[in-house]
């Protein structure tokens, strides 16, 4: 059965971003990092949009050109890892089943292979801790995860092939997204390291196996 869902799947884009798009993304990320720093130092209640703009070195009007609120400013930082994970998953070659591809890509994405990736996880930990006391910041976190799941659908559908059950494709995308979300939230509540036992990669793989334990392989060439 061909994949047909209630929501139109977004195609996986292979077109490189333009110079203008790269500059815009860089500015947004600078603002997101400034917001994350201030939220960690002072908490969301002790931080204003003006504070964030000043820390990022941009005008307040530039801040509001990109973001609706101070909490919304951290979305690019929270979403960046998910974007890279989907790109890695989409690039995986044929042969692996969807659960296998998801597990391998999640382990790689959260494995903190270099210091930049480790820093990103630490930023996420700080933001999730701040979100515990800030409903608006939690709403941004949930929105980022929902948007990631929506975008992941097209990637999983491509990996599974045209005959995959649409419901199972949707369940796989939801399971993978929730595995990462729950793992990061659980990790943020502890002082566990970014690598090794109790780290996000280990927790997320464990969550994925639990959530997908009853699902079929969802391979392109089922036997």
N, C-alpha and C. Protein backbone atom coordinates (compact mmCIF):
# COMPACT_ATOMS: atom_id res chain seq x y z
N UNK A 1 0.85 -1.19 0.00
CA UNK A 1 0.00 0.00 0.00
C UNK A 1 0.89 1.23 0.00
N UNK A 2 0.61 2.17 -0.88
CA UNK A 2 1.39 3.40 -0.94
C UNK A 2 1.09 4.27 0.27
N UNK A 3 2.07 5.06 0.64
CA UNK A 3 1.91 5.90 1.83
C UNK A 3 0.97 7.05 1.54
N UNK A 4 -0.12 7.12 2.28
CA UNK A 4 -1.05 8.23 2.19
C UNK A 4 -1.39 8.64 3.61
N UNK A 5 -1.11 9.87 3.96
CA UNK A 5 -1.38 10.34 5.31
C UNK A 5 -2.23 11.58 5.26
N UNK A 6 -2.77 11.93 6.43
CA UNK A 6 -3.60 13.13 6.51
C UNK A 6 -2.83 14.40 6.25
N UNK A 7 -1.52 14.39 6.59
CA UNK A 7 -0.70 15.56 6.37
C UNK A 7 0.22 15.32 5.19
N UNK A 8 0.40 16.31 4.36
CA UNK A 8 1.30 16.17 3.23
C UNK A 8 2.72 16.08 3.72
N UNK A 9 3.44 15.06 3.23
CA UNK A 9 4.82 14.89 3.65
C UNK A 9 5.71 15.90 2.96
N UNK A 10 6.63 16.46 3.73
CA UNK A 10 7.57 17.41 3.15
C UNK A 10 8.70 16.65 2.50
N UNK A 11 9.05 16.95 1.26
CA UNK A 11 10.15 16.25 0.62
C UNK A 11 11.46 16.55 1.32
N UNK A 12 12.37 15.57 1.26
CA UNK A 12 13.69 15.77 1.83
C UNK A 12 14.50 16.61 0.87
N UNK A 13 14.83 17.84 1.25
CA UNK A 13 15.49 18.76 0.35
C UNK A 13 16.97 18.44 0.22
N UNK A 14 17.47 18.44 -1.02
CA UNK A 14 18.89 18.24 -1.27
C UNK A 14 19.53 19.51 -1.82
N UNK A 15 18.76 20.57 -1.98
CA UNK A 15 19.27 21.83 -2.52
C UNK A 15 20.05 22.56 -1.44
N UNK A 16 21.31 22.93 -1.72
CA UNK A 16 22.09 23.65 -0.70
C UNK A 16 21.51 25.02 -0.43
N UNK A 17 21.61 25.51 0.81
CA UNK A 17 21.05 26.83 1.13
C UNK A 17 21.84 27.93 0.44
N UNK A 18 21.15 29.01 0.12
CA UNK A 18 21.80 30.16 -0.50
C UNK A 18 22.64 30.91 0.53
N UNK A 19 23.45 31.86 0.05
CA UNK A 19 24.25 32.67 0.96
C UNK A 19 23.36 33.45 1.93
N UNK A 20 22.26 33.99 1.42
CA UNK A 20 21.33 34.73 2.27
C UNK A 20 20.73 33.84 3.35
N UNK A 21 20.37 32.62 2.96
CA UNK A 21 19.80 31.67 3.92
C UNK A 21 20.82 31.28 4.98
N UNK A 22 22.07 31.11 4.56
CA UNK A 22 23.12 30.75 5.52
C UNK A 22 23.36 31.89 6.51
N UNK A 23 23.36 33.12 6.00
CA UNK A 23 23.56 34.27 6.89
C UNK A 23 22.40 34.40 7.88
N UNK A 24 21.20 34.20 7.38
CA UNK A 24 20.02 34.26 8.26
C UNK A 24 20.11 33.19 9.34
N UNK A 25 20.48 31.97 8.95
CA UNK A 25 20.58 30.87 9.92
C UNK A 25 21.67 31.15 10.94
N UNK A 26 22.78 31.76 10.49
CA UNK A 26 23.87 32.07 11.41
C UNK A 26 23.44 33.11 12.44
N UNK A 27 22.70 34.11 11.98
CA UNK A 27 22.20 35.14 12.90
C UNK A 27 21.23 34.54 13.90
N UNK A 28 20.34 33.70 13.44
CA UNK A 28 19.38 33.05 14.33
C UNK A 28 20.09 32.19 15.37
N UNK A 29 21.13 31.49 14.94
CA UNK A 29 21.86 30.64 15.88
C UNK A 29 22.63 31.48 16.90
N UNK A 30 23.18 32.62 16.47
CA UNK A 30 23.84 33.51 17.42
C UNK A 30 22.86 34.00 18.49
N UNK A 31 21.66 34.36 18.05
CA UNK A 31 20.65 34.81 19.00
C UNK A 31 20.23 33.66 19.92
N UNK A 32 20.09 32.46 19.34
CA UNK A 32 19.69 31.30 20.14
C UNK A 32 20.72 30.98 21.21
N UNK A 33 21.99 31.06 20.86
CA UNK A 33 23.05 30.80 21.85
C UNK A 33 23.06 31.86 22.95
N UNK A 34 22.85 33.10 22.55
CA UNK A 34 22.79 34.17 23.56
C UNK A 34 21.62 33.94 24.50
N UNK A 35 20.48 33.55 23.96
CA UNK A 35 19.31 33.27 24.81
C UNK A 35 19.59 32.10 25.74
N UNK A 36 20.22 31.06 25.22
CA UNK A 36 20.51 29.90 26.05
C UNK A 36 21.47 30.26 27.18
N UNK A 37 22.47 31.06 26.88
CA UNK A 37 23.42 31.49 27.91
C UNK A 37 22.69 32.25 29.03
N UNK A 38 21.85 33.17 28.62
CA UNK A 38 21.16 33.99 29.62
C UNK A 38 20.14 33.20 30.41
N UNK A 39 19.42 32.29 29.74
CA UNK A 39 18.45 31.46 30.45
C UNK A 39 19.17 30.59 31.49
N UNK A 40 20.37 30.10 31.13
CA UNK A 40 21.13 29.27 32.06
C UNK A 40 21.65 30.10 33.23
N UNK A 41 22.08 31.32 32.94
CA UNK A 41 22.64 32.19 33.98
C UNK A 41 21.56 32.78 34.89
N UNK A 42 20.49 33.26 34.27
CA UNK A 42 19.50 34.05 35.02
C UNK A 42 18.12 33.41 35.10
N UNK A 43 17.88 32.41 34.25
CA UNK A 43 16.53 31.87 34.12
C UNK A 43 15.71 32.71 33.16
N UNK A 44 14.66 32.13 32.55
CA UNK A 44 13.83 32.90 31.61
C UNK A 44 13.19 34.13 32.24
N UNK A 45 12.78 34.03 33.51
CA UNK A 45 12.14 35.18 34.15
C UNK A 45 13.09 36.35 34.32
N UNK A 46 14.37 36.06 34.46
CA UNK A 46 15.35 37.12 34.65
C UNK A 46 15.98 37.61 33.37
N UNK A 47 15.44 37.20 32.25
CA UNK A 47 15.99 37.56 30.94
C UNK A 47 14.93 38.25 30.10
N UNK A 48 15.32 39.31 29.42
CA UNK A 48 14.41 40.00 28.49
C UNK A 48 14.90 39.84 27.06
N UNK A 49 14.02 40.14 26.12
CA UNK A 49 14.42 40.12 24.71
C UNK A 49 15.55 41.11 24.46
N UNK A 50 15.49 42.24 25.14
CA UNK A 50 16.56 43.24 25.01
C UNK A 50 17.90 42.68 25.47
N UNK A 51 17.88 41.92 26.58
CA UNK A 51 19.11 41.30 27.08
C UNK A 51 19.70 40.36 26.03
N UNK A 52 18.83 39.57 25.42
CA UNK A 52 19.28 38.59 24.43
C UNK A 52 19.87 39.30 23.21
N UNK A 53 19.18 40.30 22.73
CA UNK A 53 19.66 41.04 21.57
C UNK A 53 21.03 41.66 21.85
N UNK A 54 21.17 42.24 23.04
CA UNK A 54 22.44 42.86 23.41
C UNK A 54 23.55 41.82 23.48
N UNK A 55 23.27 40.68 24.09
CA UNK A 55 24.28 39.62 24.21
C UNK A 55 24.68 39.09 22.82
N UNK A 56 23.70 39.02 21.91
CA UNK A 56 23.98 38.51 20.57
C UNK A 56 24.60 39.55 19.65
N UNK A 57 24.58 40.82 20.09
CA UNK A 57 25.16 41.88 19.28
C UNK A 57 24.29 42.29 18.11
N UNK A 58 22.96 42.20 18.29
CA UNK A 58 22.03 42.61 17.23
C UNK A 58 21.05 43.62 17.79
N UNK A 59 20.40 44.34 16.91
CA UNK A 59 19.37 45.29 17.33
C UNK A 59 18.13 44.54 17.78
N UNK A 60 17.34 45.17 18.65
CA UNK A 60 16.12 44.54 19.12
C UNK A 60 15.16 44.26 17.96
N UNK A 61 15.12 45.15 16.99
CA UNK A 61 14.24 44.92 15.84
C UNK A 61 14.68 43.68 15.05
N UNK A 62 16.00 43.42 15.03
CA UNK A 62 16.50 42.21 14.37
C UNK A 62 16.03 40.97 15.12
N UNK A 63 16.07 41.05 16.44
CA UNK A 63 15.56 39.93 17.25
C UNK A 63 14.12 39.62 16.86
N UNK A 64 13.27 40.64 16.84
CA UNK A 64 11.85 40.41 16.57
C UNK A 64 11.57 40.12 15.10
N UNK A 65 12.53 40.36 14.24
CA UNK A 65 12.37 39.96 12.84
C UNK A 65 12.37 38.44 12.73
N UNK A 66 13.11 37.80 13.64
CA UNK A 66 13.26 36.34 13.57
C UNK A 66 12.42 35.59 14.59
N UNK A 67 12.15 36.20 15.74
CA UNK A 67 11.50 35.47 16.82
C UNK A 67 10.35 36.27 17.43
N UNK A 68 9.32 35.55 17.85
CA UNK A 68 8.14 36.20 18.43
C UNK A 68 8.31 36.48 19.91
N UNK A 69 9.15 35.70 20.58
CA UNK A 69 9.30 35.85 22.03
C UNK A 69 10.70 35.43 22.43
N UNK A 70 11.06 35.72 23.68
CA UNK A 70 12.38 35.34 24.16
C UNK A 70 12.53 33.82 24.21
N UNK A 71 11.47 33.12 24.58
CA UNK A 71 11.55 31.66 24.64
C UNK A 71 11.70 31.06 23.23
N UNK A 72 11.02 31.66 22.27
CA UNK A 72 11.07 31.16 20.90
C UNK A 72 12.49 31.25 20.34
N UNK A 73 13.31 32.11 20.90
CA UNK A 73 14.65 32.34 20.36
C UNK A 73 15.54 31.11 20.45
N UNK A 74 15.26 30.18 21.36
CA UNK A 74 16.15 29.02 21.51
C UNK A 74 15.78 27.89 20.54
N UNK A 75 14.71 28.04 19.80
CA UNK A 75 14.26 26.96 18.91
C UNK A 75 15.35 26.49 17.95
N UNK A 76 16.11 27.39 17.28
CA UNK A 76 17.14 26.90 16.36
C UNK A 76 18.20 26.05 17.04
N UNK A 77 18.52 26.36 18.27
CA UNK A 77 19.50 25.58 19.00
C UNK A 77 18.96 24.19 19.32
N UNK A 78 17.70 24.12 19.70
CA UNK A 78 17.08 22.83 20.01
C UNK A 78 16.83 21.99 18.78
N UNK A 79 16.58 22.65 17.64
CA UNK A 79 16.24 21.93 16.41
C UNK A 79 17.46 21.52 15.60
N UNK A 80 18.61 22.13 15.84
CA UNK A 80 19.77 21.89 15.00
C UNK A 80 20.20 20.44 14.97
N UNK A 81 20.23 19.79 16.12
CA UNK A 81 20.63 18.39 16.16
C UNK A 81 19.68 17.49 15.41
N UNK A 82 18.38 17.78 15.50
CA UNK A 82 17.39 16.98 14.79
C UNK A 82 17.53 17.13 13.29
N UNK A 83 17.86 18.33 12.84
CA UNK A 83 18.06 18.55 11.40
C UNK A 83 19.22 17.70 10.89
N UNK A 84 20.33 17.70 11.62
CA UNK A 84 21.50 16.91 11.20
C UNK A 84 21.21 15.42 11.28
N UNK A 85 20.43 15.00 12.28
CA UNK A 85 20.08 13.59 12.40
C UNK A 85 19.26 13.12 11.20
N UNK A 86 18.26 13.91 10.79
CA UNK A 86 17.44 13.51 9.65
C UNK A 86 18.26 13.44 8.37
N UNK A 87 19.19 14.37 8.20
CA UNK A 87 20.05 14.34 7.02
C UNK A 87 20.90 13.07 7.00
N UNK A 88 21.42 12.69 8.15
CA UNK A 88 22.21 11.47 8.25
C UNK A 88 21.36 10.24 7.96
N UNK A 89 20.16 10.22 8.50
CA UNK A 89 19.26 9.09 8.28
C UNK A 89 18.89 8.98 6.80
N UNK A 90 18.59 10.10 6.17
CA UNK A 90 18.21 10.10 4.76
C UNK A 90 19.34 9.62 3.87
N UNK A 91 20.58 9.82 4.30
CA UNK A 91 21.73 9.46 3.49
C UNK A 91 22.13 8.00 3.65
N UNK A 92 21.48 7.26 4.52
CA UNK A 92 21.85 5.87 4.75
C UNK A 92 21.53 5.02 3.53
N UNK A 93 22.43 4.11 3.24
CA UNK A 93 22.25 3.25 2.06
C UNK A 93 21.20 2.19 2.28
N UNK A 94 20.85 1.45 1.21
CA UNK A 94 19.84 0.41 1.30
C UNK A 94 20.35 -0.80 2.10
N UNK A 95 19.42 -1.62 2.49
CA UNK A 95 19.78 -2.87 3.16
C UNK A 95 19.28 -2.96 4.58
N UNK A 96 19.42 -1.90 5.34
CA UNK A 96 18.99 -1.94 6.74
C UNK A 96 17.49 -1.76 6.85
N UNK A 97 16.89 -2.39 7.84
CA UNK A 97 15.49 -2.14 8.13
C UNK A 97 15.36 -0.76 8.75
N UNK A 98 14.16 -0.23 8.79
CA UNK A 98 13.94 1.09 9.37
C UNK A 98 14.35 1.14 10.84
N UNK A 99 13.95 0.17 11.68
CA UNK A 99 14.41 0.23 13.07
C UNK A 99 15.93 0.22 13.20
N UNK A 100 16.60 -0.59 12.38
CA UNK A 100 18.06 -0.63 12.42
C UNK A 100 18.66 0.71 12.02
N UNK A 101 18.13 1.30 10.94
CA UNK A 101 18.63 2.59 10.47
C UNK A 101 18.39 3.68 11.51
N UNK A 102 17.21 3.65 12.13
CA UNK A 102 16.90 4.65 13.15
C UNK A 102 17.84 4.50 14.35
N UNK A 103 18.05 3.27 14.79
CA UNK A 103 18.91 3.05 15.96
C UNK A 103 20.34 3.51 15.66
N UNK A 104 20.87 3.15 14.50
CA UNK A 104 22.24 3.53 14.17
C UNK A 104 22.39 5.04 14.05
N UNK A 105 21.41 5.67 13.41
CA UNK A 105 21.50 7.12 13.21
C UNK A 105 21.34 7.88 14.53
N UNK A 106 20.48 7.38 15.41
CA UNK A 106 20.29 8.03 16.71
C UNK A 106 21.56 7.90 17.55
N UNK A 107 22.17 6.72 17.53
CA UNK A 107 23.41 6.54 18.30
C UNK A 107 24.50 7.47 17.79
N UNK A 108 24.57 7.66 16.48
CA UNK A 108 25.57 8.56 15.91
C UNK A 108 25.24 10.02 16.23
N UNK A 109 23.97 10.38 16.10
CA UNK A 109 23.57 11.78 16.29
C UNK A 109 23.77 12.25 17.72
N UNK A 110 23.53 11.36 18.68
CA UNK A 110 23.64 11.73 20.09
C UNK A 110 24.95 11.28 20.72
N UNK A 111 25.85 10.74 19.91
CA UNK A 111 27.08 10.17 20.44
C UNK A 111 28.13 11.17 20.85
N UNK A 112 27.90 12.47 20.58
CA UNK A 112 28.87 13.52 20.95
C UNK A 112 30.25 13.17 20.42
N UNK A 113 30.32 12.97 19.10
CA UNK A 113 31.57 12.55 18.48
C UNK A 113 32.67 13.61 18.56
N UNK A 114 32.30 14.87 18.66
CA UNK A 114 33.29 15.93 18.79
C UNK A 114 32.80 16.93 19.84
N UNK A 115 33.64 17.92 20.12
CA UNK A 115 33.33 18.86 21.19
C UNK A 115 32.13 19.74 20.83
N UNK A 116 31.97 20.04 19.54
CA UNK A 116 30.82 20.86 19.14
C UNK A 116 29.51 20.14 19.44
N UNK A 117 29.49 18.82 19.15
CA UNK A 117 28.28 18.04 19.44
C UNK A 117 28.06 17.92 20.94
N UNK A 118 29.13 17.75 21.70
CA UNK A 118 29.01 17.68 23.15
C UNK A 118 28.48 18.99 23.72
N UNK A 119 28.96 20.10 23.17
CA UNK A 119 28.49 21.40 23.63
C UNK A 119 27.01 21.57 23.35
N UNK A 120 26.57 21.09 22.18
CA UNK A 120 25.15 21.17 21.86
C UNK A 120 24.29 20.42 22.85
N UNK A 121 24.76 19.26 23.29
CA UNK A 121 24.02 18.50 24.29
C UNK A 121 23.98 19.25 25.63
N UNK A 122 25.07 19.87 25.98
CA UNK A 122 25.09 20.63 27.24
C UNK A 122 24.13 21.82 27.19
N UNK A 123 24.07 22.49 26.02
CA UNK A 123 23.10 23.57 25.86
C UNK A 123 21.69 23.04 26.07
N UNK A 124 21.42 21.89 25.46
CA UNK A 124 20.08 21.30 25.57
C UNK A 124 19.76 20.97 27.02
N UNK A 125 20.73 20.44 27.74
CA UNK A 125 20.50 20.13 29.16
C UNK A 125 20.12 21.39 29.94
N UNK A 126 20.87 22.45 29.73
CA UNK A 126 20.58 23.69 30.44
C UNK A 126 19.20 24.24 30.11
N UNK A 127 18.83 24.16 28.84
CA UNK A 127 17.52 24.67 28.44
C UNK A 127 16.39 23.82 28.99
N UNK A 128 16.57 22.51 29.00
CA UNK A 128 15.52 21.64 29.54
C UNK A 128 15.36 21.85 31.05
N UNK A 129 16.45 22.12 31.72
CA UNK A 129 16.34 22.42 33.15
C UNK A 129 15.61 23.74 33.37
N UNK A 130 15.92 24.72 32.53
CA UNK A 130 15.21 26.01 32.64
C UNK A 130 13.74 25.85 32.30
N UNK A 131 13.43 24.96 31.35
CA UNK A 131 12.05 24.77 30.92
C UNK A 131 11.17 24.16 32.01
N UNK A 132 11.80 23.50 32.98
CA UNK A 132 11.03 22.88 34.05
C UNK A 132 10.19 23.90 34.81
N UNK A 133 10.65 25.16 34.83
CA UNK A 133 9.93 26.21 35.55
C UNK A 133 9.30 27.24 34.62
N UNK A 134 9.31 26.97 33.32
CA UNK A 134 8.81 27.96 32.37
C UNK A 134 7.93 27.30 31.32
N UNK A 135 6.60 27.41 31.43
CA UNK A 135 5.69 26.77 30.49
C UNK A 135 5.92 27.19 29.04
N UNK A 136 6.26 28.47 28.80
CA UNK A 136 6.47 28.93 27.43
C UNK A 136 7.69 28.27 26.81
N UNK A 137 8.73 28.06 27.60
CA UNK A 137 9.92 27.39 27.10
C UNK A 137 9.64 25.92 26.84
N UNK A 138 8.85 25.29 27.70
CA UNK A 138 8.44 23.90 27.46
C UNK A 138 7.64 23.79 26.18
N UNK A 139 6.79 24.77 25.92
CA UNK A 139 5.98 24.76 24.70
C UNK A 139 6.87 24.81 23.46
N UNK A 140 7.95 25.58 23.52
CA UNK A 140 8.89 25.63 22.40
C UNK A 140 9.53 24.26 22.20
N UNK A 141 9.93 23.62 23.29
CA UNK A 141 10.54 22.29 23.20
C UNK A 141 9.58 21.28 22.57
N UNK A 142 8.33 21.29 22.99
CA UNK A 142 7.35 20.36 22.41
C UNK A 142 7.08 20.69 20.94
N UNK A 143 7.05 21.97 20.60
CA UNK A 143 6.83 22.36 19.21
C UNK A 143 7.98 21.89 18.32
N UNK A 144 9.20 22.06 18.80
CA UNK A 144 10.37 21.63 18.04
C UNK A 144 10.31 20.12 17.79
N UNK A 145 9.90 19.37 18.79
CA UNK A 145 9.80 17.93 18.63
C UNK A 145 8.69 17.54 17.66
N UNK A 146 7.56 18.23 17.71
CA UNK A 146 6.48 17.93 16.77
C UNK A 146 6.89 18.25 15.34
N UNK A 147 7.55 19.36 15.14
CA UNK A 147 8.02 19.73 13.81
C UNK A 147 9.04 18.72 13.30
N UNK A 148 9.90 18.24 14.20
CA UNK A 148 10.88 17.24 13.81
C UNK A 148 10.20 15.94 13.37
N UNK A 149 9.18 15.54 14.12
CA UNK A 149 8.44 14.33 13.74
C UNK A 149 7.76 14.50 12.39
N UNK A 150 7.18 15.66 12.15
CA UNK A 150 6.52 15.91 10.87
C UNK A 150 7.51 15.77 9.71
N UNK A 151 8.71 16.32 9.88
CA UNK A 151 9.71 16.26 8.83
C UNK A 151 10.30 14.85 8.68
N UNK A 152 10.34 14.13 9.80
CA UNK A 152 10.89 12.78 9.78
C UNK A 152 10.03 11.81 8.99
N UNK A 153 8.74 12.08 8.91
CA UNK A 153 7.83 11.17 8.20
C UNK A 153 8.29 10.88 6.78
N UNK A 154 8.68 11.91 6.06
CA UNK A 154 9.10 11.72 4.67
C UNK A 154 10.36 10.88 4.58
N UNK A 155 11.27 11.05 5.53
CA UNK A 155 12.51 10.28 5.54
C UNK A 155 12.23 8.81 5.81
N UNK A 156 11.40 8.54 6.82
CA UNK A 156 11.07 7.16 7.14
C UNK A 156 10.30 6.51 5.99
N UNK A 157 9.40 7.25 5.37
CA UNK A 157 8.64 6.71 4.24
C UNK A 157 9.57 6.31 3.10
N UNK A 158 10.57 7.13 2.84
CA UNK A 158 11.53 6.82 1.78
C UNK A 158 12.33 5.58 2.12
N UNK A 159 12.76 5.46 3.36
CA UNK A 159 13.52 4.29 3.78
C UNK A 159 12.68 3.01 3.73
N UNK A 160 11.41 3.13 4.11
CA UNK A 160 10.54 1.96 4.18
C UNK A 160 10.08 1.48 2.81
N UNK A 161 10.00 2.39 1.84
CA UNK A 161 9.55 2.00 0.51
C UNK A 161 8.07 2.24 0.28
N UNK A 162 7.64 2.22 -0.97
CA UNK A 162 6.26 2.60 -1.32
C UNK A 162 5.19 1.65 -0.82
N UNK A 163 5.57 0.43 -0.48
CA UNK A 163 4.56 -0.55 -0.04
C UNK A 163 4.41 -0.61 1.48
N UNK A 164 5.09 0.26 2.17
CA UNK A 164 5.01 0.24 3.63
C UNK A 164 3.63 0.67 4.12
N UNK A 165 3.24 0.11 5.23
CA UNK A 165 1.97 0.47 5.87
C UNK A 165 2.09 1.91 6.39
N UNK A 166 1.21 2.83 5.97
CA UNK A 166 1.30 4.23 6.42
C UNK A 166 1.26 4.38 7.93
N UNK A 167 0.46 3.54 8.59
CA UNK A 167 0.37 3.64 10.05
C UNK A 167 1.70 3.26 10.69
N UNK A 168 2.35 2.23 10.18
CA UNK A 168 3.62 1.81 10.76
C UNK A 168 4.71 2.84 10.49
N UNK A 169 4.66 3.49 9.34
CA UNK A 169 5.61 4.57 9.05
C UNK A 169 5.43 5.70 10.06
N UNK A 170 4.18 6.06 10.30
CA UNK A 170 3.90 7.13 11.24
C UNK A 170 4.32 6.74 12.66
N UNK A 171 4.06 5.49 13.03
CA UNK A 171 4.45 5.02 14.36
C UNK A 171 5.97 5.03 14.52
N UNK A 172 6.68 4.65 13.47
CA UNK A 172 8.14 4.64 13.53
C UNK A 172 8.68 6.05 13.72
N UNK A 173 8.12 7.01 12.99
CA UNK A 173 8.57 8.40 13.12
C UNK A 173 8.27 8.93 14.52
N UNK A 174 7.10 8.60 15.04
CA UNK A 174 6.73 9.05 16.39
C UNK A 174 7.62 8.40 17.44
N UNK A 175 7.88 7.10 17.28
CA UNK A 175 8.71 6.38 18.25
C UNK A 175 10.13 6.95 18.29
N UNK A 176 10.69 7.22 17.13
CA UNK A 176 12.05 7.74 17.08
C UNK A 176 12.13 9.13 17.70
N UNK A 177 11.16 9.97 17.38
CA UNK A 177 11.14 11.32 17.94
C UNK A 177 10.98 11.28 19.45
N UNK A 178 10.05 10.47 19.92
CA UNK A 178 9.82 10.39 21.37
C UNK A 178 10.98 9.73 22.10
N UNK A 179 11.65 8.78 21.44
CA UNK A 179 12.81 8.15 22.07
C UNK A 179 13.88 9.19 22.38
N UNK A 180 14.13 10.07 21.44
CA UNK A 180 15.13 11.12 21.64
C UNK A 180 14.64 12.12 22.68
N UNK A 181 13.37 12.53 22.58
CA UNK A 181 12.84 13.52 23.52
C UNK A 181 12.90 13.01 24.95
N UNK A 182 12.40 11.80 25.18
CA UNK A 182 12.38 11.25 26.53
C UNK A 182 13.80 11.05 27.05
N UNK A 183 14.70 10.58 26.18
CA UNK A 183 16.08 10.35 26.60
C UNK A 183 16.74 11.66 27.03
N UNK A 184 16.57 12.71 26.26
CA UNK A 184 17.17 13.99 26.60
C UNK A 184 16.57 14.57 27.87
N UNK A 185 15.27 14.44 28.02
CA UNK A 185 14.63 14.95 29.23
C UNK A 185 15.12 14.20 30.47
N UNK A 186 15.22 12.87 30.36
CA UNK A 186 15.69 12.07 31.49
C UNK A 186 17.15 12.39 31.80
N UNK A 187 17.96 12.54 30.77
CA UNK A 187 19.38 12.85 30.96
C UNK A 187 19.56 14.22 31.60
N UNK A 188 18.74 15.18 31.18
CA UNK A 188 18.86 16.55 31.69
C UNK A 188 18.58 16.63 33.18
N UNK A 189 17.85 15.67 33.71
CA UNK A 189 17.54 15.66 35.14
C UNK A 189 18.68 15.09 35.98
N UNK A 190 19.72 14.60 35.31
CA UNK A 190 20.86 13.99 36.01
C UNK A 190 22.13 14.77 35.70
N UNK A 191 23.22 14.32 36.29
CA UNK A 191 24.54 14.87 35.98
C UNK A 191 25.38 13.87 35.20
N UNK A 192 24.70 12.95 34.48
CA UNK A 192 25.40 11.94 33.69
C UNK A 192 26.21 12.62 32.58
N UNK A 193 27.27 11.97 32.13
CA UNK A 193 28.13 12.58 31.11
C UNK A 193 27.45 12.60 29.74
N UNK A 194 28.09 13.28 28.79
CA UNK A 194 27.55 13.34 27.42
C UNK A 194 27.88 12.08 26.63
N UNK A 195 28.81 11.28 27.14
CA UNK A 195 29.18 10.02 26.49
C UNK A 195 29.21 8.90 27.53
N UNK A 196 28.95 7.68 27.06
CA UNK A 196 29.05 6.53 27.96
C UNK A 196 27.75 6.18 28.65
N UNK A 197 27.88 5.54 29.79
CA UNK A 197 26.70 5.06 30.52
C UNK A 197 25.84 6.21 31.00
N UNK A 198 24.54 6.11 30.74
CA UNK A 198 23.61 7.15 31.15
C UNK A 198 23.59 8.36 30.26
N UNK A 199 24.36 8.35 29.18
CA UNK A 199 24.41 9.47 28.24
C UNK A 199 23.22 9.43 27.29
N UNK A 200 22.94 10.53 26.58
CA UNK A 200 21.77 10.57 25.69
C UNK A 200 21.72 9.46 24.65
N UNK A 201 22.86 9.12 24.04
CA UNK A 201 22.85 8.08 23.01
C UNK A 201 22.38 6.75 23.57
N UNK A 202 22.92 6.36 24.72
CA UNK A 202 22.53 5.09 25.33
C UNK A 202 21.05 5.10 25.71
N UNK A 203 20.60 6.18 26.33
CA UNK A 203 19.21 6.26 26.75
C UNK A 203 18.25 6.25 25.56
N UNK A 204 18.60 6.97 24.49
CA UNK A 204 17.72 7.06 23.34
C UNK A 204 17.59 5.71 22.62
N UNK A 205 18.70 5.00 22.48
CA UNK A 205 18.63 3.67 21.86
C UNK A 205 17.77 2.73 22.71
N UNK A 206 17.93 2.81 24.01
CA UNK A 206 17.10 1.99 24.91
C UNK A 206 15.63 2.34 24.74
N UNK A 207 15.31 3.62 24.69
CA UNK A 207 13.92 4.05 24.51
C UNK A 207 13.37 3.57 23.17
N UNK A 208 14.18 3.70 22.13
CA UNK A 208 13.72 3.29 20.79
C UNK A 208 13.41 1.80 20.77
N UNK A 209 14.27 0.99 21.35
CA UNK A 209 14.03 -0.45 21.36
C UNK A 209 12.75 -0.80 22.11
N UNK A 210 12.50 -0.11 23.20
CA UNK A 210 11.28 -0.35 23.96
C UNK A 210 10.05 0.05 23.14
N UNK A 211 10.11 1.20 22.50
CA UNK A 211 8.96 1.72 21.77
C UNK A 211 8.68 0.96 20.49
N UNK A 212 9.72 0.42 19.84
CA UNK A 212 9.54 -0.25 18.57
C UNK A 212 9.60 -1.76 18.70
N UNK A 213 9.59 -2.27 19.92
CA UNK A 213 9.75 -3.70 20.13
C UNK A 213 8.71 -4.56 19.45
N UNK A 214 7.50 -4.05 19.31
CA UNK A 214 6.44 -4.85 18.71
C UNK A 214 6.19 -4.58 17.24
N UNK A 215 7.04 -3.75 16.62
CA UNK A 215 6.82 -3.39 15.24
C UNK A 215 7.55 -4.34 14.28
N UNK A 216 7.06 -4.43 13.06
CA UNK A 216 7.70 -5.20 12.02
C UNK A 216 8.93 -4.45 11.51
N UNK A 217 9.83 -5.13 10.77
CA UNK A 217 11.08 -4.51 10.34
C UNK A 217 10.91 -3.28 9.44
N UNK A 218 9.82 -3.16 8.69
CA UNK A 218 9.60 -2.02 7.80
C UNK A 218 10.73 -1.87 6.79
N UNK A 219 11.17 -2.95 6.20
CA UNK A 219 12.26 -2.88 5.22
C UNK A 219 11.69 -2.71 3.83
N UNK A 220 12.55 -2.29 2.90
CA UNK A 220 12.11 -2.13 1.52
C UNK A 220 11.86 -3.47 0.84
N UNK A 221 12.60 -4.46 1.31
CA UNK A 221 12.51 -5.78 0.67
C UNK A 221 12.19 -6.85 1.69
N UNK A 222 10.97 -6.81 2.26
CA UNK A 222 10.61 -7.80 3.27
C UNK A 222 10.52 -9.20 2.68
N UNK A 223 10.96 -10.17 3.45
CA UNK A 223 10.91 -11.57 2.99
C UNK A 223 9.75 -12.29 3.68
